Amino acid sequence: MQSCELVTLVSSIACCLAQGRTADEIALLSCIFSQLGDTLETIAAHQALCCGNDKNDNINDDIFFGFQGERRRER
């Protein structure tokens, strides 16, 4: 997918989500998706900083159990 196609897709999704909603509902959706984007950025930065290049690393363990040198698995 090219950049312009992605922008068009995202804009189309936004228009569909906004259709039939009040200004307050649209504002709430905007806040929710902004927080989602910020949280994804935080997770990506944490992985880059703390997890190195280990592709098998599970970021959810770090989120729920705290980052530790050795993983603590509770299954």
N, C-alpha and C. Protein backbone atom coordinates (compact mmCIF):
# COMPACT_ATOMS: atom_id res chain seq x y z
N MET A 1 0.85 -1.17 0.00
CA MET A 1 0.00 0.00 0.00
C MET A 1 0.89 1.23 0.00
N GLN A 2 0.57 2.17 -0.84
CA GLN A 2 1.35 3.40 -0.93
C GLN A 2 0.86 4.40 0.14
N SER A 3 1.68 5.40 0.43
CA SER A 3 1.37 6.37 1.48
C SER A 3 0.05 7.08 1.24
N CYS A 4 -0.18 7.53 0.01
CA CYS A 4 -1.43 8.24 -0.29
C CYS A 4 -2.64 7.34 -0.15
N GLU A 5 -2.48 6.07 -0.48
CA GLU A 5 -3.58 5.12 -0.31
C GLU A 5 -3.89 4.92 1.17
N LEU A 6 -2.85 4.85 1.98
CA LEU A 6 -3.04 4.70 3.42
C LEU A 6 -3.76 5.90 4.01
N VAL A 7 -3.35 7.11 3.61
CA VAL A 7 -4.00 8.33 4.08
C VAL A 7 -5.48 8.35 3.68
N THR A 8 -5.76 7.94 2.46
CA THR A 8 -7.14 7.90 1.99
C THR A 8 -7.95 6.88 2.79
N LEU A 9 -7.37 5.73 3.06
CA LEU A 9 -8.04 4.71 3.85
C LEU A 9 -8.37 5.22 5.25
N VAL A 10 -7.39 5.82 5.91
CA VAL A 10 -7.60 6.33 7.27
C VAL A 10 -8.66 7.42 7.27
N SER A 11 -8.63 8.31 6.29
CA SER A 11 -9.63 9.37 6.20
C SER A 11 -11.03 8.79 5.98
N SER A 12 -11.11 7.77 5.16
CA SER A 12 -12.41 7.13 4.90
C SER A 12 -12.95 6.47 6.16
N ILE A 13 -12.08 5.82 6.90
CA ILE A 13 -12.50 5.20 8.17
C ILE A 13 -12.99 6.27 9.14
N ALA A 14 -12.28 7.38 9.22
CA ALA A 14 -12.69 8.47 10.11
C ALA A 14 -14.07 9.00 9.72
N CYS A 15 -14.29 9.16 8.44
CA CYS A 15 -15.60 9.65 7.97
C CYS A 15 -16.71 8.66 8.33
N CYS A 16 -16.44 7.38 8.16
CA CYS A 16 -17.44 6.36 8.51
C CYS A 16 -17.73 6.35 10.01
N LEU A 17 -16.69 6.48 10.81
CA LEU A 17 -16.87 6.49 12.27
C LEU A 17 -17.64 7.73 12.73
N ALA A 18 -17.44 8.85 12.05
CA ALA A 18 -18.06 10.11 12.45
C ALA A 18 -19.53 10.21 12.00
N GLN A 19 -19.88 9.46 10.98
CA GLN A 19 -21.22 9.56 10.41
C GLN A 19 -22.29 9.23 11.44
N GLY A 20 -23.22 10.16 11.62
CA GLY A 20 -24.34 9.97 12.53
C GLY A 20 -24.02 10.18 13.99
N ARG A 21 -22.84 10.67 14.30
CA ARG A 21 -22.45 10.90 15.70
C ARG A 21 -22.46 12.39 16.01
N THR A 22 -22.63 12.69 17.28
CA THR A 22 -22.61 14.08 17.71
C THR A 22 -21.16 14.56 17.78
N ALA A 23 -21.00 15.88 17.89
CA ALA A 23 -19.67 16.45 18.02
C ALA A 23 -18.97 15.92 19.27
N ASP A 24 -19.71 15.74 20.35
CA ASP A 24 -19.12 15.21 21.59
C ASP A 24 -18.66 13.76 21.41
N GLU A 25 -19.44 12.97 20.71
CA GLU A 25 -19.06 11.58 20.47
C GLU A 25 -17.81 11.50 19.58
N ILE A 26 -17.76 12.37 18.58
CA ILE A 26 -16.59 12.41 17.69
C ILE A 26 -15.35 12.84 18.48
N ALA A 27 -15.52 13.81 19.35
CA ALA A 27 -14.40 14.27 20.19
C ALA A 27 -13.90 13.13 21.08
N LEU A 28 -14.82 12.35 21.65
CA LEU A 28 -14.42 11.23 22.50
C LEU A 28 -13.67 10.17 21.68
N LEU A 29 -14.18 9.85 20.50
CA LEU A 29 -13.48 8.90 19.63
C LEU A 29 -12.07 9.40 19.30
N SER A 30 -11.95 10.69 19.04
CA SER A 30 -10.65 11.28 18.75
C SER A 30 -9.69 11.08 19.91
N CYS A 31 -10.16 11.33 21.12
CA CYS A 31 -9.32 11.14 22.31
C CYS A 31 -8.92 9.68 22.49
N ILE A 32 -9.86 8.78 22.26
CA ILE A 32 -9.58 7.36 22.40
C ILE A 32 -8.50 6.92 21.42
N PHE A 33 -8.64 7.32 20.15
CA PHE A 33 -7.66 6.91 19.15
C PHE A 33 -6.32 7.61 19.34
N SER A 34 -6.34 8.83 19.86
CA SER A 34 -5.07 9.49 20.18
C SER A 34 -4.33 8.74 21.28
N GLN A 35 -5.07 8.33 22.31
CA GLN A 35 -4.45 7.57 23.40
C GLN A 35 -3.94 6.23 22.89
N LEU A 36 -4.70 5.58 22.01
CA LEU A 36 -4.26 4.33 21.43
C LEU A 36 -2.92 4.51 20.70
N GLY A 37 -2.83 5.57 19.88
CA GLY A 37 -1.59 5.85 19.15
C GLY A 37 -0.43 6.13 20.09
N ASP A 38 -0.68 6.93 21.12
CA ASP A 38 0.38 7.23 22.10
C ASP A 38 0.84 5.97 22.83
N THR A 39 -0.11 5.12 23.19
CA THR A 39 0.23 3.89 23.90
C THR A 39 1.04 2.95 23.01
N LEU A 40 0.67 2.85 21.74
CA LEU A 40 1.44 2.03 20.82
C LEU A 40 2.86 2.57 20.65
N GLU A 41 3.00 3.90 20.62
CA GLU A 41 4.34 4.50 20.55
C GLU A 41 5.16 4.16 21.79
N THR A 42 4.52 4.20 22.95
CA THR A 42 5.21 3.89 24.21
C THR A 42 5.67 2.44 24.21
N ILE A 43 4.82 1.53 23.76
CA ILE A 43 5.18 0.12 23.70
C ILE A 43 6.34 -0.09 22.74
N ALA A 44 6.29 0.54 21.57
CA ALA A 44 7.37 0.39 20.59
C ALA A 44 8.69 0.93 21.13
N ALA A 45 8.63 2.08 21.80
CA ALA A 45 9.85 2.66 22.38
C ALA A 45 10.40 1.76 23.48
N HIS A 46 9.52 1.21 24.28
CA HIS A 46 9.95 0.31 25.36
C HIS A 46 10.60 -0.93 24.79
N GLN A 47 10.00 -1.50 23.75
CA GLN A 47 10.61 -2.67 23.11
C GLN A 47 11.98 -2.36 22.56
N ALA A 48 12.12 -1.21 21.91
CA ALA A 48 13.41 -0.84 21.32
C ALA A 48 14.46 -0.62 22.40
N LEU A 49 14.07 -0.04 23.51
CA LEU A 49 15.01 0.29 24.57
C LEU A 49 15.35 -0.92 25.44
N CYS A 50 14.34 -1.65 25.84
CA CYS A 50 14.53 -2.69 26.86
C CYS A 50 14.62 -4.11 26.33
N CYS A 51 14.10 -4.34 25.18
CA CYS A 51 13.97 -5.72 24.72
C CYS A 51 14.95 -6.08 23.63
N GLY A 52 15.70 -5.12 23.15
CA GLY A 52 16.69 -5.41 22.12
C GLY A 52 16.09 -5.96 20.85
N ASN A 53 16.77 -6.89 20.25
CA ASN A 53 16.35 -7.44 18.97
C ASN A 53 15.67 -8.80 19.09
N ASP A 54 15.31 -9.20 20.29
CA ASP A 54 14.69 -10.51 20.50
C ASP A 54 13.28 -10.51 19.94
N LYS A 55 13.10 -11.11 18.77
CA LYS A 55 11.79 -11.11 18.10
C LYS A 55 10.77 -11.96 18.83
N ASN A 56 11.21 -12.88 19.68
CA ASN A 56 10.28 -13.74 20.40
C ASN A 56 9.85 -13.14 21.72
N ASP A 57 10.32 -11.95 22.02
CA ASP A 57 10.01 -11.28 23.27
C ASP A 57 8.53 -10.95 23.33
N ASN A 58 7.92 -11.15 24.46
CA ASN A 58 6.51 -10.85 24.62
C ASN A 58 6.37 -9.59 25.46
N ILE A 59 6.00 -8.48 24.82
CA ILE A 59 5.89 -7.19 25.51
C ILE A 59 4.83 -7.21 26.60
N ASN A 60 3.82 -8.07 26.47
CA ASN A 60 2.77 -8.11 27.48
C ASN A 60 3.30 -8.54 28.83
N ASP A 61 4.31 -9.41 28.85
CA ASP A 61 4.91 -9.79 30.12
C ASP A 61 5.50 -8.58 30.81
N ASP A 62 6.17 -7.72 30.05
CA ASP A 62 6.76 -6.51 30.63
C ASP A 62 5.67 -5.59 31.17
N ILE A 63 4.58 -5.47 30.46
CA ILE A 63 3.51 -4.57 30.87
C ILE A 63 2.87 -5.07 32.15
N PHE A 64 2.55 -6.37 32.22
CA PHE A 64 1.80 -6.88 33.35
C PHE A 64 2.66 -7.30 34.53
N PHE A 65 3.90 -7.73 34.28
CA PHE A 65 4.73 -8.22 35.36
C PHE A 65 5.90 -7.31 35.67
N GLY A 66 6.12 -6.28 34.89
CA GLY A 66 7.25 -5.40 35.08
C GLY A 66 8.48 -5.97 34.40
N PHE A 67 9.30 -5.08 33.83
CA PHE A 67 10.50 -5.54 33.12
C PHE A 67 11.50 -6.07 34.12
N GLN A 68 12.03 -7.25 33.83
CA GLN A 68 13.06 -7.87 34.66
C GLN A 68 14.09 -8.49 33.75
N GLY A 69 15.27 -8.66 34.26
CA GLY A 69 16.32 -9.28 33.48
C GLY A 69 15.92 -10.65 32.97
N GLU A 70 15.28 -11.43 33.84
CA GLU A 70 14.78 -12.73 33.42
C GLU A 70 13.27 -12.68 33.47
N ARG A 71 12.64 -13.29 32.51
CA ARG A 71 11.18 -13.28 32.43
C ARG A 71 10.57 -14.15 33.50
N ARG A 72 9.44 -13.69 33.99
CA ARG A 72 8.68 -14.45 34.97
C ARG A 72 7.40 -14.89 34.27
N ARG A 73 7.25 -16.14 34.02
CA ARG A 73 6.07 -16.67 33.33
C ARG A 73 5.15 -17.34 34.36
N GLU A 74 3.92 -16.93 34.36
CA GLU A 74 2.94 -17.52 35.26
C GLU A 74 1.83 -18.15 34.43
N ARG A 75 2.05 -19.38 34.05
CA ARG A 75 1.05 -20.11 33.23
C ARG A 75 0.74 -21.42 33.84
